[in-house]
Amino acid sequence: MSEALEQRIAELEVRVAFQDDTIDALNAALASQQQQLSQLQQAVSLLAQRQKELASQMPAEGGDEPPPPHY
């Protein structure tokens, strides 16, 4: 093989190695974000459930209570 061809192949191998490292780093970041997203979805679901429970315990607006004295 010619020296120029060997140099091009070596450069391509280096680029592929860097791309593999980048892909691995991106995959790790994506996995971490997916885990965080799942945790946040669970937290939102829990908060929505708690809000429903609290809302059902609150008295209805405009119910049997007399108006405040300043009316």
N, C-alpha and C. Protein backbone atom coordinates (compact mmCIF):
# COMPACT_ATOMS: atom_id res chain seq x y z
N MET A 1 0.84 -1.19 0.00
CA MET A 1 0.00 0.00 0.00
C MET A 1 0.88 1.25 0.00
N SER A 2 0.31 2.28 -0.55
CA SER A 2 1.06 3.53 -0.57
C SER A 2 0.98 4.20 0.79
N GLU A 3 1.92 5.06 1.00
CA GLU A 3 2.01 5.76 2.29
C GLU A 3 0.80 6.67 2.50
N ALA A 4 0.32 7.31 1.46
CA ALA A 4 -0.85 8.19 1.56
C ALA A 4 -2.09 7.39 1.93
N LEU A 5 -2.23 6.21 1.34
CA LEU A 5 -3.39 5.37 1.65
C LEU A 5 -3.33 4.88 3.09
N GLU A 6 -2.17 4.49 3.54
CA GLU A 6 -2.02 4.05 4.93
C GLU A 6 -2.33 5.19 5.90
N GLN A 7 -1.92 6.40 5.56
CA GLN A 7 -2.20 7.56 6.41
C GLN A 7 -3.71 7.83 6.45
N ARG A 8 -4.39 7.74 5.31
CA ARG A 8 -5.84 7.94 5.28
C ARG A 8 -6.56 6.89 6.11
N ILE A 9 -6.12 5.66 6.03
CA ILE A 9 -6.75 4.59 6.81
C ILE A 9 -6.53 4.84 8.30
N ALA A 10 -5.32 5.26 8.68
CA ALA A 10 -5.04 5.54 10.08
C ALA A 10 -5.91 6.68 10.59
N GLU A 11 -6.07 7.73 9.77
CA GLU A 11 -6.93 8.86 10.16
C GLU A 11 -8.38 8.42 10.32
N LEU A 12 -8.84 7.58 9.42
CA LEU A 12 -10.22 7.07 9.52
C LEU A 12 -10.41 6.23 10.76
N GLU A 13 -9.42 5.42 11.11
CA GLU A 13 -9.50 4.60 12.33
C GLU A 13 -9.56 5.49 13.56
N VAL A 14 -8.79 6.56 13.57
CA VAL A 14 -8.82 7.50 14.70
C VAL A 14 -10.20 8.16 14.80
N ARG A 15 -10.75 8.58 13.66
CA ARG A 15 -12.06 9.21 13.66
C ARG A 15 -13.13 8.25 14.16
N VAL A 16 -13.07 7.01 13.73
CA VAL A 16 -14.05 6.01 14.18
C VAL A 16 -13.93 5.80 15.69
N ALA A 17 -12.71 5.77 16.20
CA ALA A 17 -12.52 5.59 17.64
C ALA A 17 -13.13 6.76 18.41
N PHE A 18 -12.93 7.98 17.94
CA PHE A 18 -13.53 9.15 18.61
C PHE A 18 -15.05 9.12 18.50
N GLN A 19 -15.56 8.70 17.36
CA GLN A 19 -17.01 8.61 17.19
C GLN A 19 -17.60 7.55 18.12
N ASP A 20 -16.91 6.46 18.30
CA ASP A 20 -17.37 5.43 19.24
C ASP A 20 -17.43 5.97 20.66
N ASP A 21 -16.41 6.73 21.05
CA ASP A 21 -16.40 7.34 22.38
C ASP A 21 -17.56 8.33 22.53
N THR A 22 -17.79 9.11 21.49
CA THR A 22 -18.88 10.09 21.53
C THR A 22 -20.23 9.39 21.63
N ILE A 23 -20.41 8.33 20.87
CA ILE A 23 -21.67 7.58 20.91
C ILE A 23 -21.88 6.97 22.30
N ASP A 24 -20.84 6.43 22.89
CA ASP A 24 -20.95 5.87 24.24
C ASP A 24 -21.32 6.94 25.26
N ALA A 25 -20.71 8.12 25.14
CA ALA A 25 -21.02 9.22 26.07
C ALA A 25 -22.46 9.69 25.89
N LEU A 26 -22.91 9.80 24.65
CA LEU A 26 -24.29 10.21 24.39
C LEU A 26 -25.28 9.17 24.89
N ASN A 27 -24.95 7.91 24.73
CA ASN A 27 -25.82 6.85 25.21
C ASN A 27 -25.95 6.90 26.73
N ALA A 28 -24.84 7.13 27.41
CA ALA A 28 -24.88 7.23 28.88
C ALA A 28 -25.71 8.43 29.31
N ALA A 29 -25.56 9.56 28.62
CA ALA A 29 -26.33 10.75 28.96
C ALA A 29 -27.82 10.51 28.71
N LEU A 30 -28.15 9.86 27.62
CA LEU A 30 -29.54 9.56 27.30
C LEU A 30 -30.16 8.62 28.34
N ALA A 31 -29.41 7.61 28.75
CA ALA A 31 -29.91 6.67 29.77
C ALA A 31 -30.16 7.40 31.08
N SER A 32 -29.26 8.31 31.44
CA SER A 32 -29.42 9.08 32.67
C SER A 32 -30.66 9.97 32.59
N GLN A 33 -30.84 10.64 31.46
CA GLN A 33 -32.01 11.50 31.29
C GLN A 33 -33.31 10.70 31.29
N GLN A 34 -33.28 9.52 30.73
CA GLN A 34 -34.48 8.67 30.73
C GLN A 34 -34.86 8.27 32.15
N GLN A 35 -33.84 7.97 32.96
CA GLN A 35 -34.09 7.62 34.36
C GLN A 35 -34.67 8.82 35.11
N GLN A 36 -34.11 10.00 34.87
CA GLN A 36 -34.63 11.20 35.52
C GLN A 36 -36.06 11.49 35.07
N LEU A 37 -36.34 11.29 33.80
CA LEU A 37 -37.68 11.52 33.28
C LEU A 37 -38.68 10.58 33.93
N SER A 38 -38.31 9.33 34.10
CA SER A 38 -39.20 8.36 34.75
C SER A 38 -39.48 8.77 36.19
N GLN A 39 -38.44 9.22 36.89
CA GLN A 39 -38.62 9.65 38.27
C GLN A 39 -39.53 10.88 38.34
N LEU A 40 -39.35 11.81 37.42
CA LEU A 40 -40.18 13.01 37.41
C LEU A 40 -41.63 12.67 37.07
N GLN A 41 -41.84 11.73 36.17
CA GLN A 41 -43.21 11.32 35.84
C GLN A 41 -43.89 10.69 37.05
N GLN A 42 -43.16 9.89 37.80
CA GLN A 42 -43.73 9.29 39.01
C GLN A 42 -44.05 10.37 40.03
N ALA A 43 -43.17 11.36 40.17
CA ALA A 43 -43.41 12.44 41.13
C ALA A 43 -44.63 13.25 40.73
N VAL A 44 -44.80 13.55 39.45
CA VAL A 44 -45.96 14.31 38.99
C VAL A 44 -47.24 13.51 39.22
N SER A 45 -47.20 12.22 38.96
CA SER A 45 -48.38 11.39 39.20
C SER A 45 -48.75 11.38 40.68
N LEU A 46 -47.76 11.27 41.54
CA LEU A 46 -48.01 11.29 42.98
C LEU A 46 -48.59 12.62 43.43
N LEU A 47 -48.02 13.71 42.91
CA LEU A 47 -48.54 15.04 43.26
C LEU A 47 -49.97 15.23 42.76
N ALA A 48 -50.27 14.75 41.57
CA ALA A 48 -51.64 14.88 41.04
C ALA A 48 -52.61 14.09 41.91
N GLN A 49 -52.20 12.91 42.33
CA GLN A 49 -53.06 12.10 43.19
C GLN A 49 -53.28 12.79 44.54
N ARG A 50 -52.24 13.33 45.11
CA ARG A 50 -52.38 14.04 46.39
C ARG A 50 -53.26 15.28 46.24
N GLN A 51 -53.12 15.99 45.14
CA GLN A 51 -53.93 17.18 44.91
C GLN A 51 -55.40 16.79 44.81
N LYS A 52 -55.69 15.69 44.14
CA LYS A 52 -57.07 15.21 44.05
C LYS A 52 -57.63 14.89 45.43
N GLU A 53 -56.81 14.22 46.24
CA GLU A 53 -57.26 13.85 47.58
C GLU A 53 -57.53 15.09 48.42
N LEU A 54 -56.64 16.08 48.33
CA LEU A 54 -56.84 17.30 49.10
C LEU A 54 -58.05 18.09 48.59
N ALA A 55 -58.24 18.11 47.29
CA ALA A 55 -59.38 18.84 46.73
C ALA A 55 -60.69 18.20 47.16
N SER A 56 -60.71 16.89 47.29
CA SER A 56 -61.95 16.24 47.71
C SER A 56 -62.23 16.48 49.19
N GLN A 57 -61.23 16.85 49.96
CA GLN A 57 -61.42 17.12 51.38
C GLN A 57 -61.82 18.57 51.64
N MET A 58 -61.61 19.43 50.65
CA MET A 58 -61.93 20.85 50.82
C MET A 58 -63.44 21.04 50.68
N PRO A 59 -63.99 22.00 51.42
CA PRO A 59 -65.43 22.27 51.25
C PRO A 59 -65.69 22.88 49.88
N ALA A 60 -66.85 22.62 49.36
CA ALA A 60 -67.22 23.15 48.06
C ALA A 60 -67.40 24.65 48.14
N GLU A 61 -67.00 25.34 47.09
CA GLU A 61 -67.16 26.79 47.07
C GLU A 61 -68.63 27.15 46.91
N GLY A 62 -69.02 28.21 47.57
CA GLY A 62 -70.41 28.65 47.47
C GLY A 62 -71.35 27.72 48.19
N GLY A 63 -70.86 27.04 49.17
CA GLY A 63 -71.67 26.06 49.88
C GLY A 63 -72.58 26.71 50.89
N ASP A 64 -72.76 26.09 52.03
CA ASP A 64 -73.69 26.53 53.06
C ASP A 64 -73.11 27.59 53.99
N GLU A 65 -71.88 28.00 53.75
CA GLU A 65 -71.26 28.99 54.64
C GLU A 65 -71.85 30.37 54.38
N PRO A 66 -72.07 31.13 55.44
CA PRO A 66 -72.57 32.50 55.25
C PRO A 66 -71.46 33.38 54.65
N PRO A 67 -71.83 34.43 53.98
CA PRO A 67 -70.81 35.30 53.41
C PRO A 67 -70.02 35.99 54.52
N PRO A 68 -68.83 36.41 54.24
CA PRO A 68 -68.03 37.11 55.25
C PRO A 68 -68.71 38.40 55.69
N PRO A 69 -68.34 38.90 56.86
CA PRO A 69 -69.05 40.07 57.41
C PRO A 69 -68.92 41.34 56.57
N HIS A 70 -67.94 41.47 55.77
CA HIS A 70 -67.78 42.72 55.01
C HIS A 70 -68.72 42.83 53.81
N TYR A 71 -69.59 41.86 53.57
CA TYR A 71 -70.56 41.95 52.47
C TYR A 71 -71.80 42.65 52.89
